[in-house]
PDB file of N, CA and C in Angstrom:
ATOM      1  N   MET A   1      -2.236 -21.256  -3.270  1.00  0.00           N
ATOM      2  CA  MET A   1      -2.444 -19.930  -3.802  1.00  0.00           C
ATOM      3  C   MET A   1      -1.093 -19.227  -3.929  1.00  0.00           C
ATOM      4  N   ASN A   2      -0.961 -18.462  -4.934  1.00  0.00           N
ATOM      5  CA  ASN A   2       0.255 -17.711  -5.194  1.00  0.00           C
ATOM      6  C   ASN A   2       0.480 -16.695  -4.066  1.00  0.00           C
ATOM      7  N   PRO A   3       1.693 -16.644  -3.469  1.00  0.00           N
ATOM      8  CA  PRO A   3       1.945 -15.702  -2.379  1.00  0.00           C
ATOM      9  C   PRO A   3       1.705 -14.253  -2.783  1.00  0.00           C
ATOM     10  N   TYR A   4       2.054 -13.897  -4.024  1.00  0.00           N
ATOM     11  CA  TYR A   4       1.836 -12.529  -4.473  1.00  0.00           C
ATOM     12  C   TYR A   4       0.344 -12.222  -4.518  1.00  0.00           C
ATOM     13  N   THR A   5      -0.441 -13.147  -5.052  1.00  0.00           N
ATOM     14  CA  THR A   5      -1.879 -12.951  -5.158  1.00  0.00           C
ATOM     15  C   THR A   5      -2.506 -12.873  -3.769  1.00  0.00           C
ATOM     16  N   GLN A   6      -2.048 -13.736  -2.865  1.00  0.00           N
ATOM     17  CA  GLN A   6      -2.587 -13.734  -1.510  1.00  0.00           C
ATOM     18  C   GLN A   6      -2.288 -12.397  -0.826  1.00  0.00           C
ATOM     19  N   HIS A   7      -1.054 -11.914  -0.954  1.00  0.00           N
ATOM     20  CA  HIS A   7      -0.684 -10.632  -0.354  1.00  0.00           C
ATOM     21  C   HIS A   7      -1.499  -9.499  -0.978  1.00  0.00           C
ATOM     22  N   HIS A   8      -1.672  -9.547  -2.299  1.00  0.00           N
ATOM     23  CA  HIS A   8      -2.435  -8.523  -3.006  1.00  0.00           C
ATOM     24  C   HIS A   8      -3.890  -8.515  -2.525  1.00  0.00           C
ATOM     25  N   CYS A   9      -4.473  -9.679  -2.334  1.00  0.00           N
ATOM     26  CA  CYS A   9      -5.856  -9.772  -1.865  1.00  0.00           C
ATOM     27  C   CYS A   9      -5.986  -9.230  -0.445  1.00  0.00           C
ATOM     28  N   GLU A  10      -5.021  -9.560   0.416  1.00  0.00           N
ATOM     29  CA  GLU A  10      -5.074  -9.063   1.789  1.00  0.00           C
ATOM     30  C   GLU A  10      -4.953  -7.546   1.820  1.00  0.00           C
ATOM     31  N   THR A  11      -4.055  -7.007   1.007  1.00  0.00           N
ATOM     32  CA  THR A  11      -3.865  -5.560   0.951  1.00  0.00           C
ATOM     33  C   THR A  11      -5.112  -4.883   0.417  1.00  0.00           C
ATOM     34  N   ALA A  12      -5.706  -5.439  -0.607  1.00  0.00           N
ATOM     35  CA  ALA A  12      -6.913  -4.855  -1.184  1.00  0.00           C
ATOM     36  C   ALA A  12      -8.049  -4.867  -0.162  1.00  0.00           C
ATOM     37  N   THR A  13      -8.158  -5.930   0.609  1.00  0.00           N
ATOM     38  CA  THR A  13      -9.194  -6.020   1.621  1.00  0.00           C
ATOM     39  C   THR A  13      -8.988  -4.952   2.693  1.00  0.00           C
ATOM     40  N   GLN A  14      -7.735  -4.743   3.089  1.00  0.00           N
ATOM     41  CA  GLN A  14      -7.449  -3.744   4.109  1.00  0.00           C
ATOM     42  C   GLN A  14      -7.763  -2.345   3.603  1.00  0.00           C
ATOM     43  N   VAL A  15      -7.485  -2.062   2.358  1.00  0.00           N
ATOM     44  CA  VAL A  15      -7.732  -0.736   1.810  1.00  0.00           C
ATOM     45  C   VAL A  15      -9.217  -0.492   1.643  1.00  0.00           C
ATOM     46  N   GLU A  16      -9.956  -1.506   1.263  1.00  0.00           N
ATOM     47  CA  GLU A  16     -11.377  -1.351   1.009  1.00  0.00           C
ATOM     48  C   GLU A  16     -12.194  -1.217   2.284  1.00  0.00           C
ATOM     49  N   ALA A  17     -11.678  -1.682   3.411  1.00  0.00           N
ATOM     50  CA  ALA A  17     -12.417  -1.592   4.664  1.00  0.00           C
ATOM     51  C   ALA A  17     -12.530  -0.135   5.078  1.00  0.00           C
ATOM     52  N   PRO A  18     -13.739   0.327   5.385  1.00  0.00           N
ATOM     53  CA  PRO A  18     -13.889   1.730   5.776  1.00  0.00           C
ATOM     54  C   PRO A  18     -13.261   1.987   7.142  1.00  0.00           C
ATOM     55  N   LEU A  19     -12.665   3.153   7.289  1.00  0.00           N
ATOM     56  CA  LEU A  19     -12.078   3.521   8.575  1.00  0.00           C
ATOM     57  C   LEU A  19     -13.184   3.991   9.512  1.00  0.00           C
ATOM     58  N   THR A  20     -13.174   3.470  10.706  1.00  0.00           N
ATOM     59  CA  THR A  20     -14.128   3.938  11.696  1.00  0.00           C
ATOM     60  C   THR A  20     -13.561   5.191  12.345  1.00  0.00           C
ATOM     61  N   GLU A  21     -14.412   5.927  13.045  1.00  0.00           N
ATOM     62  CA  GLU A  21     -13.946   7.136  13.728  1.00  0.00           C
ATOM     63  C   GLU A  21     -12.843   6.805  14.721  1.00  0.00           C
ATOM     64  N   THR A  22     -13.017   5.711  15.439  1.00  0.00           N
ATOM     65  CA  THR A  22     -12.034   5.315  16.439  1.00  0.00           C
ATOM     66  C   THR A  22     -10.691   5.017  15.789  1.00  0.00           C
ATOM     67  N   MET A  23     -10.713   4.295  14.676  1.00  0.00           N
ATOM     68  CA  MET A  23      -9.474   3.974  13.973  1.00  0.00           C
ATOM     69  C   MET A  23      -8.810   5.232  13.444  1.00  0.00           C
ATOM     70  N   LEU A  24      -9.609   6.149  12.910  1.00  0.00           N
ATOM     71  CA  LEU A  24      -9.066   7.386  12.373  1.00  0.00           C
ATOM     72  C   LEU A  24      -8.427   8.231  13.465  1.00  0.00           C
ATOM     73  N   LEU A  25      -9.085   8.337  14.627  1.00  0.00           N
ATOM     74  CA  LEU A  25      -8.522   9.096  15.739  1.00  0.00           C
ATOM     75  C   LEU A  25      -7.236   8.447  16.251  1.00  0.00           C
ATOM     76  N   ALA A  26      -7.234   7.131  16.336  1.00  0.00           N
ATOM     77  CA  ALA A  26      -6.030   6.427  16.775  1.00  0.00           C
ATOM     78  C   ALA A  26      -4.899   6.645  15.786  1.00  0.00           C
ATOM     79  N   TRP A  27      -5.209   6.631  14.501  1.00  0.00           N
ATOM     80  CA  TRP A  27      -4.204   6.865  13.469  1.00  0.00           C
ATOM     81  C   TRP A  27      -3.631   8.274  13.574  1.00  0.00           C
ATOM     82  N   ARG A  28      -4.463   9.226  14.021  1.00  0.00           N
ATOM     83  CA  ARG A  28      -4.021  10.611  14.180  1.00  0.00           C
ATOM     84  C   ARG A  28      -3.229  10.833  15.471  1.00  0.00           C
ATOM     85  N   GLY A  29      -3.100   9.782  16.305  1.00  0.00           N
ATOM     86  CA  GLY A  29      -2.253   9.883  17.489  1.00  0.00           C
ATOM     87  C   GLY A  29      -2.995  10.034  18.805  1.00  0.00           C
ATOM     88  N   PHE A  30      -4.324   9.951  18.801  1.00  0.00           N
ATOM     89  CA  PHE A  30      -5.074  10.045  20.042  1.00  0.00           C
ATOM     90  C   PHE A  30      -4.950   8.750  20.832  1.00  0.00           C
ATOM     91  N   THR A  31      -4.900   8.857  22.154  1.00  0.00           N
ATOM     92  CA  THR A  31      -4.859   7.673  23.004  1.00  0.00           C
ATOM     93  C   THR A  31      -6.271   7.122  23.155  1.00  0.00           C
ATOM     94  N   THR A  32      -6.384   5.900  23.664  1.00  0.00           N
ATOM     95  CA  THR A  32      -7.713   5.311  23.859  1.00  0.00           C
ATOM     96  C   THR A  32      -8.535   6.119  24.852  1.00  0.00           C
ATOM     97  N   GLU A  33      -7.888   6.681  25.872  1.00  0.00           N
ATOM     98  CA  GLU A  33      -8.612   7.502  26.844  1.00  0.00           C
ATOM     99  C   GLU A  33      -9.145   8.775  26.185  1.00  0.00           C
ATOM    100  N   GLU A  34      -8.322   9.395  25.341  1.00  0.00           N
ATOM    101  CA  GLU A  34      -8.755  10.610  24.647  1.00  0.00           C
ATOM    102  C   GLU A  34      -9.886  10.309  23.672  1.00  0.00           C
ATOM    103  N   ILE A  35      -9.799   9.187  22.988  1.00  0.00           N
ATOM    104  CA  ILE A  35     -10.855   8.798  22.051  1.00  0.00           C
ATOM    105  C   ILE A  35     -12.158   8.570  22.793  1.00  0.00           C
ATOM    106  N   ALA A  36     -12.097   7.863  23.917  1.00  0.00           N
ATOM    107  CA  ALA A  36     -13.300   7.615  24.701  1.00  0.00           C
ATOM    108  C   ALA A  36     -13.910   8.927  25.183  1.00  0.00           C
ATOM    109  N   SER A  37     -13.067   9.856  25.624  1.00  0.00           N
ATOM    110  CA  SER A  37     -13.563  11.155  26.078  1.00  0.00           C
ATOM    111  C   SER A  37     -14.210  11.940  24.945  1.00  0.00           C
ATOM    112  N   LEU A  38     -13.584  11.941  23.779  1.00  0.00           N
ATOM    113  CA  LEU A  38     -14.141  12.662  22.640  1.00  0.00           C
ATOM    114  C   LEU A  38     -15.490  12.096  22.213  1.00  0.00           C
ATOM    115  N   LEU A  39     -15.577  10.780  22.146  1.00  0.00           N
ATOM    116  CA  LEU A  39     -16.841  10.156  21.749  1.00  0.00           C
ATOM    117  C   LEU A  39     -17.929  10.403  22.784  1.00  0.00           C
ATOM    118  N   TRP A  40     -17.562  10.366  24.069  1.00  0.00           N
ATOM    119  CA  TRP A  40     -18.525  10.639  25.133  1.00  0.00           C
ATOM    120  C   TRP A  40     -19.010  12.080  25.060  1.00  0.00           C
ATOM    121  N   LEU A  41     -18.077  13.033  24.873  1.00  0.00           N
ATOM    122  CA  LEU A  41     -18.454  14.442  24.780  1.00  0.00           C
ATOM    123  C   LEU A  41     -19.360  14.707  23.586  1.00  0.00           C
ATOM    124  N   ARG A  42     -19.046  14.080  22.456  1.00  0.00           N
ATOM    125  CA  ARG A  42     -19.897  14.281  21.287  1.00  0.00           C
ATOM    126  C   ARG A  42     -21.321  13.810  21.559  1.00  0.00           C
ATOM    127  N   GLN A  43     -21.438  12.632  22.156  1.00  0.00           N
ATOM    128  CA  GLN A  43     -22.767  12.115  22.467  1.00  0.00           C
ATOM    129  C   GLN A  43     -23.473  13.008  23.475  1.00  0.00           C
ATOM    130  N   TRP A  44     -22.739  13.496  24.461  1.00  0.00           N
ATOM    131  CA  TRP A  44     -23.318  14.351  25.493  1.00  0.00           C
ATOM    132  C   TRP A  44     -23.864  15.632  24.880  1.00  0.00           C
ATOM    133  N   TYR A  45     -23.089  16.258  23.985  1.00  0.00           N
ATOM    134  CA  TYR A  45     -23.547  17.492  23.352  1.00  0.00           C
ATOM    135  C   TYR A  45     -24.667  17.248  22.357  1.00  0.00           C
ATOM    136  N   GLN A  46     -24.650  16.128  21.661  1.00  0.00           N
ATOM    137  CA  GLN A  46     -25.714  15.829  20.708  1.00  0.00           C
ATOM    138  C   GLN A  46     -27.036  15.571  21.413  1.00  0.00           C
ATOM    139  N   ASN A  47     -26.981  15.091  22.649  1.00  0.00           N
ATOM    140  CA  ASN A  47     -28.196  14.814  23.406  1.00  0.00           C
ATOM    141  C   ASN A  47     -28.625  15.992  24.270  1.00  0.00           C
ATOM    142  N   GLY A  48     -28.112  17.173  23.994  1.00  0.00           N
ATOM    143  CA  GLY A  48     -28.555  18.362  24.705  1.00  0.00           C
ATOM    144  C   GLY A  48     -27.686  18.769  25.863  1.00  0.00           C
ATOM    145  N   GLY A  49     -26.628  18.061  26.130  1.00  0.00           N
ATOM    146  CA  GLY A  49     -25.751  18.424  27.236  1.00  0.00           C
ATOM    147  C   GLY A  49     -26.425  18.202  28.574  1.00  0.00           C
ATOM    148  N   SER A  50     -25.995  18.955  29.523  1.00  0.00           N
ATOM    149  CA  SER A  50     -26.520  18.811  30.870  1.00  0.00           C
ATOM    150  C   SER A  50     -27.446  19.967  31.182  1.00  0.00           C
ATOM    151  N   ASP A  51     -28.504  19.675  31.906  1.00  0.00           N
ATOM    152  CA  ASP A  51     -29.381  20.748  32.347  1.00  0.00           C
ATOM    153  C   ASP A  51     -28.738  21.543  33.477  1.00  0.00           C
ATOM    154  N   ARG A  52     -27.623  21.050  34.003  1.00  0.00           N
ATOM    155  CA  ARG A  52     -26.892  21.755  35.053  1.00  0.00           C
ATOM    156  C   ARG A  52     -25.776  22.621  34.488  1.00  0.00           C
ATOM    157  N   ALA A  53     -25.674  22.719  33.180  1.00  0.00           N
ATOM    158  CA  ALA A  53     -24.577  23.462  32.557  1.00  0.00           C
ATOM    159  C   ALA A  53     -24.584  24.930  32.963  1.00  0.00           C
ATOM    160  N   ILE A  54     -25.752  25.531  33.096  1.00  0.00           N
ATOM    161  CA  ILE A  54     -25.849  26.939  33.490  1.00  0.00           C
ATOM    162  C   ILE A  54     -25.296  27.128  34.898  1.00  0.00           C
ATOM    163  N   ILE A  55     -25.638  26.221  35.798  1.00  0.00           N
ATOM    164  CA  ILE A  55     -25.155  26.310  37.172  1.00  0.00           C
ATOM    165  C   ILE A  55     -23.632  26.138  37.207  1.00  0.00           C
ATOM    166  N   VAL A  56     -23.132  25.196  36.441  1.00  0.00           N
ATOM    167  CA  VAL A  56     -21.691  24.950  36.404  1.00  0.00           C
ATOM    168  C   VAL A  56     -20.958  26.177  35.875  1.00  0.00           C
ATOM    169  N   ARG A  57     -21.480  26.805  34.832  1.00  0.00           N
ATOM    170  CA  ARG A  57     -20.840  28.007  34.288  1.00  0.00           C
ATOM    171  C   ARG A  57     -20.804  29.126  35.320  1.00  0.00           C
ATOM    172  N   ARG A  58     -21.884  29.298  36.065  1.00  0.00           N
ATOM    173  CA  ARG A  58     -21.907  30.338  37.098  1.00  0.00           C
ATOM    174  C   ARG A  58     -20.908  30.044  38.207  1.00  0.00           C
ATOM    175  N   LEU A  59     -20.807  28.780  38.609  1.00  0.00           N
ATOM    176  CA  LEU A  59     -19.839  28.421  39.642  1.00  0.00           C
ATOM    177  C   LEU A  59     -18.412  28.621  39.153  1.00  0.00           C
ATOM    178  N   GLU A  60     -18.158  28.302  37.883  1.00  0.00           N
ATOM    179  CA  GLU A  60     -16.833  28.529  37.326  1.00  0.00           C
ATOM    180  C   GLU A  60     -16.506  30.020  37.284  1.00  0.00           C
ATOM    181  N   PHE A  61     -17.495  30.842  36.981  1.00  0.00           N
ATOM    182  CA  PHE A  61     -17.280  32.280  36.959  1.00  0.00           C
ATOM    183  C   PHE A  61     -16.984  32.799  38.370  1.00  0.00           C
ATOM    184  N   LEU A  62     -17.722  32.313  39.363  1.00  0.00           N
ATOM    185  CA  LEU A  62     -17.459  32.708  40.746  1.00  0.00           C
ATOM    186  C   LEU A  62     -16.059  32.287  41.185  1.00  0.00           C
ATOM    187  N   ARG A  63     -15.651  31.091  40.807  1.00  0.00           N
ATOM    188  CA  ARG A  63     -14.309  30.616  41.132  1.00  0.00           C
ATOM    189  C   ARG A  63     -13.258  31.515  40.496  1.00  0.00           C
ATOM    190  N   PHE A  64     -13.494  31.924  39.257  1.00  0.00           N
ATOM    191  CA  PHE A  64     -12.584  32.834  38.569  1.00  0.00           C
ATOM    192  C   PHE A  64     -12.465  34.156  39.340  1.00  0.00           C
ATOM    193  N   LEU A  65     -13.592  34.705  39.776  1.00  0.00           N
ATOM    194  CA  LEU A  65     -13.573  35.964  40.515  1.00  0.00           C
ATOM    195  C   LEU A  65     -12.805  35.838  41.828  1.00  0.00           C
ATOM    196  N   VAL A  66     -12.998  34.728  42.535  1.00  0.00           N
ATOM    197  CA  VAL A  66     -12.298  34.519  43.801  1.00  0.00           C
ATOM    198  C   VAL A  66     -10.800  34.341  43.567  1.00  0.00           C
ATOM    199  N   GLN A  67     -10.440  33.557  42.569  1.00  0.00           N
ATOM    200  CA  GLN A  67      -9.028  33.295  42.298  1.00  0.00           C
ATOM    201  C   GLN A  67      -8.283  34.565  41.878  1.00  0.00           C
ATOM    202  N   ASN A  68      -8.972  35.497  41.265  1.00  0.00           N
ATOM    203  CA  ASN A  68      -8.333  36.730  40.814  1.00  0.00           C
ATOM    204  C   ASN A  68      -8.500  37.884  41.812  1.00  0.00           C
ATOM    205  N   GLY A  69      -9.007  37.571  42.999  1.00  0.00           N
ATOM    206  CA  GLY A  69      -9.114  38.571  44.056  1.00  0.00           C
ATOM    207  C   GLY A  69     -10.215  39.597  43.839  1.00  0.00           C
ATOM    208  N   MET A  70     -11.153  39.326  42.981  1.00  0.00           N
ATOM    209  CA  MET A  70     -12.235  40.278  42.736  1.00  0.00           C
ATOM    210  C   MET A  70     -13.357  40.120  43.750  1.00  0.00           C
ATOM    211  N   ILE A  71     -13.411  38.956  44.402  1.00  0.00           N
ATOM    212  CA  ILE A  71     -14.375  38.678  45.471  1.00  0.00           C
ATOM    213  C   ILE A  71     -13.628  38.016  46.604  1.00  0.00           C
ATOM    214  N   ALA A  72     -13.904  38.438  47.817  1.00  0.00           N
ATOM    215  CA  ALA A  72     -13.275  37.814  48.990  1.00  0.00           C
ATOM    216  C   ALA A  72     -14.292  36.898  49.642  1.00  0.00           C
ATOM    217  N   LEU A  73     -13.801  35.788  50.147  1.00  0.00           N
ATOM    218  CA  LEU A  73     -14.695  34.862  50.852  1.00  0.00           C
ATOM    219  C   LEU A  73     -14.733  35.159  52.316  1.00  0.00           C
TER     220      LEU A  73
END
């Protein structure tokens, strides 16, 4: 096979292949750990999140109040 034709076919195949979300994020500079976290968070939010989210928000608010001296322990 002609080297030019072979290279052209390989390039065309690479261009025609659809980019997956993971490939696109990696191309944008995200690390594998960041990509895994993003995909996990998306799935978590799409499935309704956590039923403990309200409790977590309240605890975070209490922590904020304590850290800023608005509540003493």
